[in-house]
Amino acid sequence: MDHGLTFKAYLQYTADKAAKATSAITRHMASVGGHKQRSRWVISTVVRSIILYAAAIWAPAMSSPTYSRDCRSSYRTCALRTVSEDAALVLSDMAPLEVG
């Protein structure tokens, strides 16, 4: 952690880093192929590790919606990228295009 960063700046930096990692791993997994569930697990594990680094120090700052917004958004994006289309459709109560 950089001692010069405020909690808000650190959480913004962390959210950006998690978003970049999600994007890079997703691109790499697409070119490599492989088991989709394993790929999803890798992405979520890396992003969770990035976001939770030093959480014991900055955790109280997450109670502020202004501070936590960026990290929550990055984590939500990771969740959306790591869930299958079928699962996303079920969760959003939407029928597949082929059916509808």
PDB file of N, CA and C in Angstrom:
ATOM      1  N   MET A   1       0.836  -1.187   0.000  1.00  0.00           N
ATOM      2  CA  MET A   1       0.000   0.000   0.000  1.00  0.00           C
ATOM      3  C   MET A   1       0.874   1.241   0.000  1.00  0.00           C
ATOM      4  N   ASP A   2       0.428   2.244  -0.689  1.00  0.00           N
ATOM      5  CA  ASP A   2       1.123   3.523  -0.731  1.00  0.00           C
ATOM      6  C   ASP A   2       0.620   4.368   0.440  1.00  0.00           C
ATOM      7  N   HIS A   3       1.523   4.805   1.278  1.00  0.00           N
ATOM      8  CA  HIS A   3       1.137   5.588   2.458  1.00  0.00           C
ATOM      9  C   HIS A   3       0.573   6.954   2.099  1.00  0.00           C
ATOM     10  N   GLY A   4       0.788   7.412   0.871  1.00  0.00           N
ATOM     11  CA  GLY A   4       0.287   8.710   0.454  1.00  0.00           C
ATOM     12  C   GLY A   4      -1.146   8.676  -0.073  1.00  0.00           C
ATOM     13  N   LEU A   5      -1.691   7.496  -0.272  1.00  0.00           N
ATOM     14  CA  LEU A   5      -3.049   7.388  -0.810  1.00  0.00           C
ATOM     15  C   LEU A   5      -4.090   7.476   0.296  1.00  0.00           C
ATOM     16  N   THR A   6      -5.195   8.121   0.004  1.00  0.00           N
ATOM     17  CA  THR A   6      -6.337   8.092   0.912  1.00  0.00           C
ATOM     18  C   THR A   6      -7.087   6.795   0.645  1.00  0.00           C
ATOM     19  N   PHE A   7      -8.028   6.442   1.516  1.00  0.00           N
ATOM     20  CA  PHE A   7      -8.801   5.227   1.303  1.00  0.00           C
ATOM     21  C   PHE A   7      -9.546   5.284  -0.028  1.00  0.00           C
ATOM     22  N   LYS A   8     -10.120   6.443  -0.328  1.00  0.00           N
ATOM     23  CA  LYS A   8     -10.876   6.572  -1.574  1.00  0.00           C
ATOM     24  C   LYS A   8      -9.967   6.370  -2.784  1.00  0.00           C
ATOM     25  N   ALA A   9      -8.809   6.989  -2.773  1.00  0.00           N
ATOM     26  CA  ALA A   9      -7.864   6.845  -3.890  1.00  0.00           C
ATOM     27  C   ALA A   9      -7.363   5.396  -3.992  1.00  0.00           C
ATOM     28  N   TYR A  10      -7.109   4.778  -2.848  1.00  0.00           N
ATOM     29  CA  TYR A  10      -6.645   3.387  -2.864  1.00  0.00           C
ATOM     30  C   TYR A  10      -7.721   2.464  -3.427  1.00  0.00           C
ATOM     31  N   LEU A  11      -8.966   2.655  -3.012  1.00  0.00           N
ATOM     32  CA  LEU A  11     -10.053   1.802  -3.501  1.00  0.00           C
ATOM     33  C   LEU A  11     -10.288   2.023  -4.999  1.00  0.00           C
ATOM     34  N   GLN A  12     -10.113   3.253  -5.478  1.00  0.00           N
ATOM     35  CA  GLN A  12     -10.211   3.537  -6.916  1.00  0.00           C
ATOM     36  C   GLN A  12      -9.099   2.820  -7.672  1.00  0.00           C
ATOM     37  N   TYR A  13      -7.880   2.914  -7.152  1.00  0.00           N
ATOM     38  CA  TYR A  13      -6.737   2.224  -7.753  1.00  0.00           C
ATOM     39  C   TYR A  13      -6.974   0.716  -7.788  1.00  0.00           C
ATOM     40  N   THR A  14      -7.477   0.172  -6.698  1.00  0.00           N
ATOM     41  CA  THR A  14      -7.749  -1.257  -6.605  1.00  0.00           C
ATOM     42  C   THR A  14      -8.831  -1.672  -7.594  1.00  0.00           C
ATOM     43  N   ALA A  15      -9.870  -0.877  -7.709  1.00  0.00           N
ATOM     44  CA  ALA A  15     -10.955  -1.193  -8.651  1.00  0.00           C
ATOM     45  C   ALA A  15     -10.442  -1.180 -10.085  1.00  0.00           C
ATOM     46  N   ASP A  16      -9.617  -0.202 -10.420  1.00  0.00           N
ATOM     47  CA  ASP A  16      -9.042  -0.139 -11.768  1.00  0.00           C
ATOM     48  C   ASP A  16      -8.153  -1.350 -12.041  1.00  0.00           C
ATOM     49  N   LYS A  17      -7.349  -1.714 -11.050  1.00  0.00           N
ATOM     50  CA  LYS A  17      -6.454  -2.868 -11.195  1.00  0.00           C
ATOM     51  C   LYS A  17      -7.263  -4.153 -11.378  1.00  0.00           C
ATOM     52  N   ALA A  18      -8.340  -4.309 -10.620  1.00  0.00           N
ATOM     53  CA  ALA A  18      -9.189  -5.498 -10.744  1.00  0.00           C
ATOM     54  C   ALA A  18      -9.877  -5.551 -12.104  1.00  0.00           C
ATOM     55  N   ALA A  19     -10.325  -4.395 -12.595  1.00  0.00           N
ATOM     56  CA  ALA A  19     -10.979  -4.348 -13.911  1.00  0.00           C
ATOM     57  C   ALA A  19     -10.001  -4.715 -15.019  1.00  0.00           C
ATOM     58  N   LYS A  20      -8.774  -4.212 -14.932  1.00  0.00           N
ATOM     59  CA  LYS A  20      -7.750  -4.544 -15.927  1.00  0.00           C
ATOM     60  C   LYS A  20      -7.410  -6.028 -15.882  1.00  0.00           C
ATOM     61  N   ALA A  21      -7.318  -6.581 -14.691  1.00  0.00           N
ATOM     62  CA  ALA A  21      -7.012  -8.012 -14.557  1.00  0.00           C
ATOM     63  C   ALA A  21      -8.135  -8.854 -15.136  1.00  0.00           C
ATOM     64  N   THR A  22      -9.381  -8.485 -14.862  1.00  0.00           N
ATOM     65  CA  THR A  22     -10.528  -9.206 -15.409  1.00  0.00           C
ATOM     66  C   THR A  22     -10.487  -9.203 -16.922  1.00  0.00           C
ATOM     67  N   SER A  23     -10.234  -8.047 -17.486  1.00  0.00           N
ATOM     68  CA  SER A  23     -10.190  -7.909 -18.935  1.00  0.00           C
ATOM     69  C   SER A  23      -9.050  -8.730 -19.537  1.00  0.00           C
ATOM     70  N   ALA A  24      -7.867  -8.636 -18.950  1.00  0.00           N
ATOM     71  CA  ALA A  24      -6.710  -9.358 -19.481  1.00  0.00           C
ATOM     72  C   ALA A  24      -6.894 -10.867 -19.391  1.00  0.00           C
ATOM     73  N   ILE A  25      -7.378 -11.334 -18.255  1.00  0.00           N
ATOM     74  CA  ILE A  25      -7.561 -12.781 -18.090  1.00  0.00           C
ATOM     75  C   ILE A  25      -8.659 -13.279 -19.012  1.00  0.00           C
ATOM     76  N   THR A  26      -9.722 -12.526 -19.164  1.00  0.00           N
ATOM     77  CA  THR A  26     -10.815 -12.925 -20.053  1.00  0.00           C
ATOM     78  C   THR A  26     -10.323 -13.036 -21.486  1.00  0.00           C
ATOM     79  N   ARG A  27      -9.542 -12.060 -21.940  1.00  0.00           N
ATOM     80  CA  ARG A  27      -8.989 -12.114 -23.305  1.00  0.00           C
ATOM     81  C   ARG A  27      -8.078 -13.314 -23.478  1.00  0.00           C
ATOM     82  N   HIS A  28      -7.234 -13.565 -22.480  1.00  0.00           N
ATOM     83  CA  HIS A  28      -6.306 -14.691 -22.569  1.00  0.00           C
ATOM     84  C   HIS A  28      -7.056 -16.023 -22.580  1.00  0.00           C
ATOM     85  N   MET A  29      -8.039 -16.149 -21.716  1.00  0.00           N
ATOM     86  CA  MET A  29      -8.797 -17.401 -21.647  1.00  0.00           C
ATOM     87  C   MET A  29      -9.540 -17.662 -22.953  1.00  0.00           C
ATOM     88  N   ALA A  30      -9.989 -16.616 -23.603  1.00  0.00           N
ATOM     89  CA  ALA A  30     -10.705 -16.789 -24.864  1.00  0.00           C
ATOM     90  C   ALA A  30      -9.772 -17.325 -25.943  1.00  0.00           C
ATOM     91  N   SER A  31      -8.514 -16.897 -25.925  1.00  0.00           N
ATOM     92  CA  SER A  31      -7.578 -17.360 -26.953  1.00  0.00           C
ATOM     93  C   SER A  31      -7.035 -18.744 -26.652  1.00  0.00           C
ATOM     94  N   VAL A  32      -7.008 -19.126 -25.391  1.00  0.00           N
ATOM     95  CA  VAL A  32      -6.470 -20.422 -25.001  1.00  0.00           C
ATOM     96  C   VAL A  32      -7.539 -21.505 -25.075  1.00  0.00           C
ATOM     97  N   GLY A  33      -8.778 -21.135 -24.791  1.00  0.00           N
ATOM     98  CA  GLY A  33      -9.847 -22.136 -24.728  1.00  0.00           C
ATOM     99  C   GLY A  33      -9.803 -22.833 -23.382  1.00  0.00           C
ATOM    100  N   GLY A  34     -10.291 -24.019 -23.339  1.00  0.00           N
ATOM    101  CA  GLY A  34     -10.247 -24.768 -22.089  1.00  0.00           C
ATOM    102  C   GLY A  34     -11.603 -24.815 -21.419  1.00  0.00           C
ATOM    103  N   HIS A  35     -11.591 -25.368 -20.240  1.00  0.00           N
ATOM    104  CA  HIS A  35     -12.820 -25.572 -19.488  1.00  0.00           C
ATOM    105  C   HIS A  35     -13.362 -24.249 -18.979  1.00  0.00           C
ATOM    106  N   LYS A  36     -14.596 -23.924 -19.296  1.00  0.00           N
ATOM    107  CA  LYS A  36     -15.162 -22.612 -18.952  1.00  0.00           C
ATOM    108  C   LYS A  36     -15.288 -22.407 -17.452  1.00  0.00           C
ATOM    109  N   GLN A  37     -15.708 -23.432 -16.725  1.00  0.00           N
ATOM    110  CA  GLN A  37     -15.889 -23.278 -15.285  1.00  0.00           C
ATOM    111  C   GLN A  37     -14.557 -22.988 -14.603  1.00  0.00           C
ATOM    112  N   ARG A  38     -13.517 -23.638 -15.041  1.00  0.00           N
ATOM    113  CA  ARG A  38     -12.183 -23.401 -14.487  1.00  0.00           C
ATOM    114  C   ARG A  38     -11.740 -21.961 -14.784  1.00  0.00           C
ATOM    115  N   SER A  39     -12.016 -21.486 -15.982  1.00  0.00           N
ATOM    116  CA  SER A  39     -11.674 -20.112 -16.355  1.00  0.00           C
ATOM    117  C   SER A  39     -12.416 -19.121 -15.473  1.00  0.00           C
ATOM    118  N   ARG A  40     -13.671 -19.364 -15.243  1.00  0.00           N
ATOM    119  CA  ARG A  40     -14.464 -18.477 -14.380  1.00  0.00           C
ATOM    120  C   ARG A  40     -13.899 -18.444 -12.971  1.00  0.00           C
ATOM    121  N   TRP A  41     -13.482 -19.612 -12.491  1.00  0.00           N
ATOM    122  CA  TRP A  41     -12.928 -19.706 -11.147  1.00  0.00           C
ATOM    123  C   TRP A  41     -11.636 -18.903 -11.057  1.00  0.00           C
ATOM    124  N   VAL A  42     -10.773 -19.001 -12.069  1.00  0.00           N
ATOM    125  CA  VAL A  42      -9.511 -18.265 -12.078  1.00  0.00           C
ATOM    126  C   VAL A  42      -9.774 -16.764 -12.046  1.00  0.00           C
ATOM    127  N   ILE A  43     -10.668 -16.297 -12.892  1.00  0.00           N
ATOM    128  CA  ILE A  43     -10.969 -14.863 -12.943  1.00  0.00           C
ATOM    129  C   ILE A  43     -11.481 -14.362 -11.599  1.00  0.00           C
ATOM    130  N   SER A  44     -12.442 -15.056 -11.031  1.00  0.00           N
ATOM    131  CA  SER A  44     -13.022 -14.587  -9.767  1.00  0.00           C
ATOM    132  C   SER A  44     -12.011 -14.645  -8.631  1.00  0.00           C
ATOM    133  N   THR A  45     -11.145 -15.645  -8.630  1.00  0.00           N
ATOM    134  CA  THR A  45     -10.134 -15.752  -7.577  1.00  0.00           C
ATOM    135  C   THR A  45      -9.117 -14.622  -7.666  1.00  0.00           C
ATOM    136  N   VAL A  46      -8.654 -14.314  -8.861  1.00  0.00           N
ATOM    137  CA  VAL A  46      -7.675 -13.230  -9.038  1.00  0.00           C
ATOM    138  C   VAL A  46      -8.290 -11.893  -8.631  1.00  0.00           C
ATOM    139  N   VAL A  47      -9.486 -11.618  -9.100  1.00  0.00           N
ATOM    140  CA  VAL A  47     -10.132 -10.339  -8.784  1.00  0.00           C
ATOM    141  C   VAL A  47     -10.399 -10.219  -7.291  1.00  0.00           C
ATOM    142  N   ARG A  48     -10.872 -11.275  -6.678  1.00  0.00           N
ATOM    143  CA  ARG A  48     -11.134 -11.243  -5.235  1.00  0.00           C
ATOM    144  C   ARG A  48      -9.833 -10.979  -4.471  1.00  0.00           C
ATOM    145  N   SER A  49      -8.737 -11.601  -4.887  1.00  0.00           N
ATOM    146  CA  SER A  49      -7.448 -11.387  -4.222  1.00  0.00           C
ATOM    147  C   SER A  49      -6.973  -9.946  -4.362  1.00  0.00           C
ATOM    148  N   ILE A  50      -7.144  -9.371  -5.545  1.00  0.00           N
ATOM    149  CA  ILE A  50      -6.744  -7.978  -5.763  1.00  0.00           C
ATOM    150  C   ILE A  50      -7.560  -7.046  -4.878  1.00  0.00           C
ATOM    151  N   ILE A  51      -8.856  -7.251  -4.846  1.00  0.00           N
ATOM    152  CA  ILE A  51      -9.726  -6.355  -4.076  1.00  0.00           C
ATOM    153  C   ILE A  51      -9.505  -6.511  -2.570  1.00  0.00           C
ATOM    154  N   LEU A  52      -9.281  -7.721  -2.106  1.00  0.00           N
ATOM    155  CA  LEU A  52      -9.175  -7.944  -0.662  1.00  0.00           C
ATOM    156  C   LEU A  52      -7.781  -7.746  -0.091  1.00  0.00           C
ATOM    157  N   TYR A  53      -6.804  -7.397  -0.936  1.00  0.00           N
ATOM    158  CA  TYR A  53      -5.456  -7.151  -0.432  1.00  0.00           C
ATOM    159  C   TYR A  53      -5.500  -6.007   0.582  1.00  0.00           C
ATOM    160  N   ALA A  54      -4.977  -6.237   1.761  1.00  0.00           N
ATOM    161  CA  ALA A  54      -4.926  -5.267   2.858  1.00  0.00           C
ATOM    162  C   ALA A  54      -6.312  -4.828   3.326  1.00  0.00           C
ATOM    163  N   ALA A  55      -7.289  -5.691   3.165  1.00  0.00           N
ATOM    164  CA  ALA A  55      -8.670  -5.349   3.532  1.00  0.00           C
ATOM    165  C   ALA A  55      -8.828  -5.030   5.012  1.00  0.00           C
ATOM    166  N   ALA A  56      -8.020  -5.630   5.847  1.00  0.00           N
ATOM    167  CA  ALA A  56      -8.133  -5.360   7.281  1.00  0.00           C
ATOM    168  C   ALA A  56      -7.886  -3.887   7.591  1.00  0.00           C
ATOM    169  N   ILE A  57      -7.104  -3.230   6.757  1.00  0.00           N
ATOM    170  CA  ILE A  57      -6.784  -1.817   6.985  1.00  0.00           C
ATOM    171  C   ILE A  57      -7.886  -0.901   6.467  1.00  0.00           C
ATOM    172  N   TRP A  58      -8.363  -1.151   5.243  1.00  0.00           N
ATOM    173  CA  TRP A  58      -9.307  -0.226   4.634  1.00  0.00           C
ATOM    174  C   TRP A  58     -10.768  -0.666   4.726  1.00  0.00           C
ATOM    175  N   ALA A  59     -11.057  -1.789   5.346  1.00  0.00           N
ATOM    176  CA  ALA A  59     -12.429  -2.303   5.433  1.00  0.00           C
ATOM    177  C   ALA A  59     -13.428  -1.296   6.002  1.00  0.00           C
ATOM    178  N   PRO A  60     -13.093  -0.532   7.033  1.00  0.00           N
ATOM    179  CA  PRO A  60     -14.064   0.454   7.541  1.00  0.00           C
ATOM    180  C   PRO A  60     -14.488   1.477   6.482  1.00  0.00           C
ATOM    181  N   ALA A  61     -13.620   1.773   5.530  1.00  0.00           N
ATOM    182  CA  ALA A  61     -13.958   2.746   4.492  1.00  0.00           C
ATOM    183  C   ALA A  61     -15.042   2.228   3.552  1.00  0.00           C
ATOM    184  N   MET A  62     -15.214   0.900   3.485  1.00  0.00           N
ATOM    185  CA  MET A  62     -16.227   0.327   2.596  1.00  0.00           C
ATOM    186  C   MET A  62     -17.650   0.628   3.066  1.00  0.00           C
ATOM    187  N   SER A  63     -17.806   1.082   4.287  1.00  0.00           N
ATOM    188  CA  SER A  63     -19.149   1.432   4.764  1.00  0.00           C
ATOM    189  C   SER A  63     -19.670   2.698   4.091  1.00  0.00           C
ATOM    190  N   SER A  64     -18.782   3.472   3.499  1.00  0.00           N
ATOM    191  CA  SER A  64     -19.179   4.679   2.770  1.00  0.00           C
ATOM    192  C   SER A  64     -19.493   4.312   1.318  1.00  0.00           C
ATOM    193  N   PRO A  65     -20.732   4.568   0.861  1.00  0.00           N
ATOM    194  CA  PRO A  65     -21.083   4.236  -0.523  1.00  0.00           C
ATOM    195  C   PRO A  65     -20.186   4.909  -1.553  1.00  0.00           C
ATOM    196  N   THR A  66     -19.722   6.113  -1.252  1.00  0.00           N
ATOM    197  CA  THR A  66     -18.844   6.829  -2.179  1.00  0.00           C
ATOM    198  C   THR A  66     -17.517   6.093  -2.336  1.00  0.00           C
ATOM    199  N   TYR A  67     -16.995   5.562  -1.257  1.00  0.00           N
ATOM    200  CA  TYR A  67     -15.709   4.872  -1.297  1.00  0.00           C
ATOM    201  C   TYR A  67     -15.847   3.479  -1.913  1.00  0.00           C
ATOM    202  N   SER A  68     -16.920   2.796  -1.624  1.00  0.00           N
ATOM    203  CA  SER A  68     -17.055   1.395  -2.033  1.00  0.00           C
ATOM    204  C   SER A  68     -17.595   1.214  -3.446  1.00  0.00           C
ATOM    205  N   ARG A  69     -18.129   2.255  -4.046  1.00  0.00           N
ATOM    206  CA  ARG A  69     -18.791   2.159  -5.353  1.00  0.00           C
ATOM    207  C   ARG A  69     -17.909   1.516  -6.418  1.00  0.00           C
ATOM    208  N   ASP A  70     -16.679   1.971  -6.547  1.00  0.00           N
ATOM    209  CA  ASP A  70     -15.796   1.491  -7.613  1.00  0.00           C
ATOM    210  C   ASP A  70     -15.421   0.019  -7.425  1.00  0.00           C
ATOM    211  N   CYS A  71     -15.095  -0.375  -6.192  1.00  0.00           N
ATOM    212  CA  CYS A  71     -14.748  -1.776  -5.948  1.00  0.00           C
ATOM    213  C   CYS A  71     -15.951  -2.682  -6.179  1.00  0.00           C
ATOM    214  N   ARG A  72     -17.103  -2.255  -5.724  1.00  0.00           N
ATOM    215  CA  ARG A  72     -18.309  -3.061  -5.941  1.00  0.00           C
ATOM    216  C   ARG A  72     -18.616  -3.188  -7.432  1.00  0.00           C
ATOM    217  N   SER A  73     -18.409  -2.127  -8.167  1.00  0.00           N
ATOM    218  CA  SER A  73     -18.649  -2.155  -9.602  1.00  0.00           C
ATOM    219  C   SER A  73     -17.693  -3.123 -10.301  1.00  0.00           C
ATOM    220  N   SER A  74     -16.427  -3.086  -9.929  1.00  0.00           N
ATOM    221  CA  SER A  74     -15.440  -4.004 -10.509  1.00  0.00           C
ATOM    222  C   SER A  74     -15.780  -5.447 -10.181  1.00  0.00           C
ATOM    223  N   TYR A  75     -16.169  -5.683  -8.955  1.00  0.00           N
ATOM    224  CA  TYR A  75     -16.507  -7.050  -8.540  1.00  0.00           C
ATOM    225  C   TYR A  75     -17.757  -7.534  -9.268  1.00  0.00           C
ATOM    226  N   ARG A  76     -18.730  -6.646  -9.437  1.00  0.00           N
ATOM    227  CA  ARG A  76     -19.955  -7.002 -10.165  1.00  0.00           C
ATOM    228  C   ARG A  76     -19.642  -7.314 -11.624  1.00  0.00           C
ATOM    229  N   THR A  77     -18.770  -6.534 -12.243  1.00  0.00           N
ATOM    230  CA  THR A  77     -18.359  -6.793 -13.621  1.00  0.00           C
ATOM    231  C   THR A  77     -17.702  -8.153 -13.735  1.00  0.00           C
ATOM    232  N   CYS A  78     -16.871  -8.471 -12.767  1.00  0.00           N
ATOM    233  CA  CYS A  78     -16.228  -9.795 -12.745  1.00  0.00           C
ATOM    234  C   CYS A  78     -17.297 -10.872 -12.655  1.00  0.00           C
ATOM    235  N   ALA A  79     -18.285 -10.675 -11.814  1.00  0.00           N
ATOM    236  CA  ALA A  79     -19.346 -11.662 -11.670  1.00  0.00           C
ATOM    237  C   ALA A  79     -20.112 -11.830 -12.975  1.00  0.00           C
ATOM    238  N   LEU A  80     -20.369 -10.732 -13.661  1.00  0.00           N
ATOM    239  CA  LEU A  80     -21.103 -10.816 -14.921  1.00  0.00           C
ATOM    240  C   LEU A  80     -20.287 -11.525 -15.996  1.00  0.00           C
ATOM    241  N   ARG A  81     -18.975 -11.302 -15.990  1.00  0.00           N
ATOM    242  CA  ARG A  81     -18.121 -11.942 -16.990  1.00  0.00           C
ATOM    243  C   ARG A  81     -17.868 -13.409 -16.688  1.00  0.00           C
ATOM    244  N   THR A  82     -18.052 -13.788 -15.430  1.00  0.00           N
ATOM    245  CA  THR A  82     -17.719 -15.156 -15.062  1.00  0.00           C
ATOM    246  C   THR A  82     -18.933 -16.067 -14.963  1.00  0.00           C
ATOM    247  N   VAL A  83     -20.095 -15.562 -15.261  1.00  0.00           N
ATOM    248  CA  VAL A  83     -21.291 -16.390 -15.223  1.00  0.00           C
ATOM    249  C   VAL A  83     -21.679 -16.734 -16.663  1.00  0.00           C
ATOM    250  N   SER A  84     -22.202 -17.914 -16.841  1.00  0.00           N
ATOM    251  CA  SER A  84     -22.588 -18.310 -18.193  1.00  0.00           C
ATOM    252  C   SER A  84     -23.811 -17.518 -18.655  1.00  0.00           C
ATOM    253  N   GLU A  85     -24.014 -17.475 -19.948  1.00  0.00           N
ATOM    254  CA  GLU A  85     -25.166 -16.754 -20.494  1.00  0.00           C
ATOM    255  C   GLU A  85     -26.461 -17.356 -19.972  1.00  0.00           C
ATOM    256  N   ASP A  86     -26.529 -18.679 -19.902  1.00  0.00           N
ATOM    257  CA  ASP A  86     -27.742 -19.338 -19.406  1.00  0.00           C
ATOM    258  C   ASP A  86     -28.042 -18.923 -17.970  1.00  0.00           C
ATOM    259  N   ALA A  87     -27.011 -18.882 -17.127  1.00  0.00           N
ATOM    260  CA  ALA A  87     -27.218 -18.489 -15.737  1.00  0.00           C
ATOM    261  C   ALA A  87     -27.654 -17.031 -15.642  1.00  0.00           C
ATOM    262  N   ALA A  88     -27.050 -16.172 -16.442  1.00  0.00           N
ATOM    263  CA  ALA A  88     -27.428 -14.757 -16.433  1.00  0.00           C
ATOM    264  C   ALA A  88     -28.881 -14.578 -16.853  1.00  0.00           C
ATOM    265  N   LEU A  89     -29.312 -15.340 -17.843  1.00  0.00           N
ATOM    266  CA  LEU A  89     -30.708 -15.253 -18.288  1.00  0.00           C
ATOM    267  C   LEU A  89     -31.663 -15.734 -17.203  1.00  0.00           C
ATOM    268  N   VAL A  90     -31.295 -16.797 -16.512  1.00  0.00           N
ATOM    269  CA  VAL A  90     -32.147 -17.301 -15.429  1.00  0.00           C
ATOM    270  C   VAL A  90     -32.244 -16.270 -14.318  1.00  0.00           C
ATOM    271  N   LEU A  91     -31.106 -15.708 -13.925  1.00  0.00           N
ATOM    272  CA  LEU A  91     -31.102 -14.723 -12.840  1.00  0.00           C
ATOM    273  C   LEU A  91     -31.878 -13.464 -13.184  1.00  0.00           C
ATOM    274  N   SER A  92     -31.874 -13.085 -14.449  1.00  0.00           N
ATOM    275  CA  SER A  92     -32.601 -11.880 -14.851  1.00  0.00           C
ATOM    276  C   SER A  92     -34.016 -12.185 -15.331  1.00  0.00           C
ATOM    277  N   ASP A  93     -34.428 -13.449 -15.192  1.00  0.00           N
ATOM    278  CA  ASP A  93     -35.784 -13.881 -15.544  1.00  0.00           C
ATOM    279  C   ASP A  93     -36.106 -13.570 -17.020  1.00  0.00           C
ATOM    280  N   MET A  94     -35.145 -13.871 -17.888  1.00  0.00           N
ATOM    281  CA  MET A  94     -35.310 -13.640 -19.329  1.00  0.00           C
ATOM    282  C   MET A  94     -35.229 -14.976 -20.062  1.00  0.00           C
ATOM    283  N   ALA A  95     -35.998 -15.084 -21.113  1.00  0.00           N
ATOM    284  CA  ALA A  95     -35.957 -16.274 -21.940  1.00  0.00           C
ATOM    285  C   ALA A  95     -34.857 -16.115 -22.988  1.00  0.00           C
ATOM    286  N   PRO A  96     -34.207 -17.217 -23.392  1.00  0.00           N
ATOM    287  CA  PRO A  96     -33.213 -17.124 -24.460  1.00  0.00           C
ATOM    288  C   PRO A  96     -33.874 -16.621 -25.743  1.00  0.00           C
ATOM    289  N   LEU A  97     -33.091 -15.977 -26.596  1.00  0.00           N
ATOM    290  CA  LEU A  97     -33.637 -15.447 -27.847  1.00  0.00           C
ATOM    291  C   LEU A  97     -34.229 -16.537 -28.729  1.00  0.00           C
ATOM    292  N   GLU A  98     -33.630 -17.722 -28.688  1.00  0.00           N
ATOM    293  CA  GLU A  98     -34.119 -18.814 -29.515  1.00  0.00           C
ATOM    294  C   GLU A  98     -35.543 -19.226 -29.143  1.00  0.00           C
ATOM    295  N   VAL A  99     -35.915 -19.030 -27.875  1.00  0.00           N
ATOM    296  CA  VAL A  99     -37.232 -19.431 -27.392  1.00  0.00           C
ATOM    297  C   VAL A  99     -38.235 -18.313 -27.577  1.00  0.00           C
ATOM    298  N   GLY A 100     -37.803 -17.077 -27.331  1.00  0.00           N
ATOM    299  CA  GLY A 100     -38.681 -15.942 -27.226  1.00  0.00           C
ATOM    300  C   GLY A 100     -39.162 -15.426 -28.510  1.00  0.00           C
TER     301      GLY A 100
END
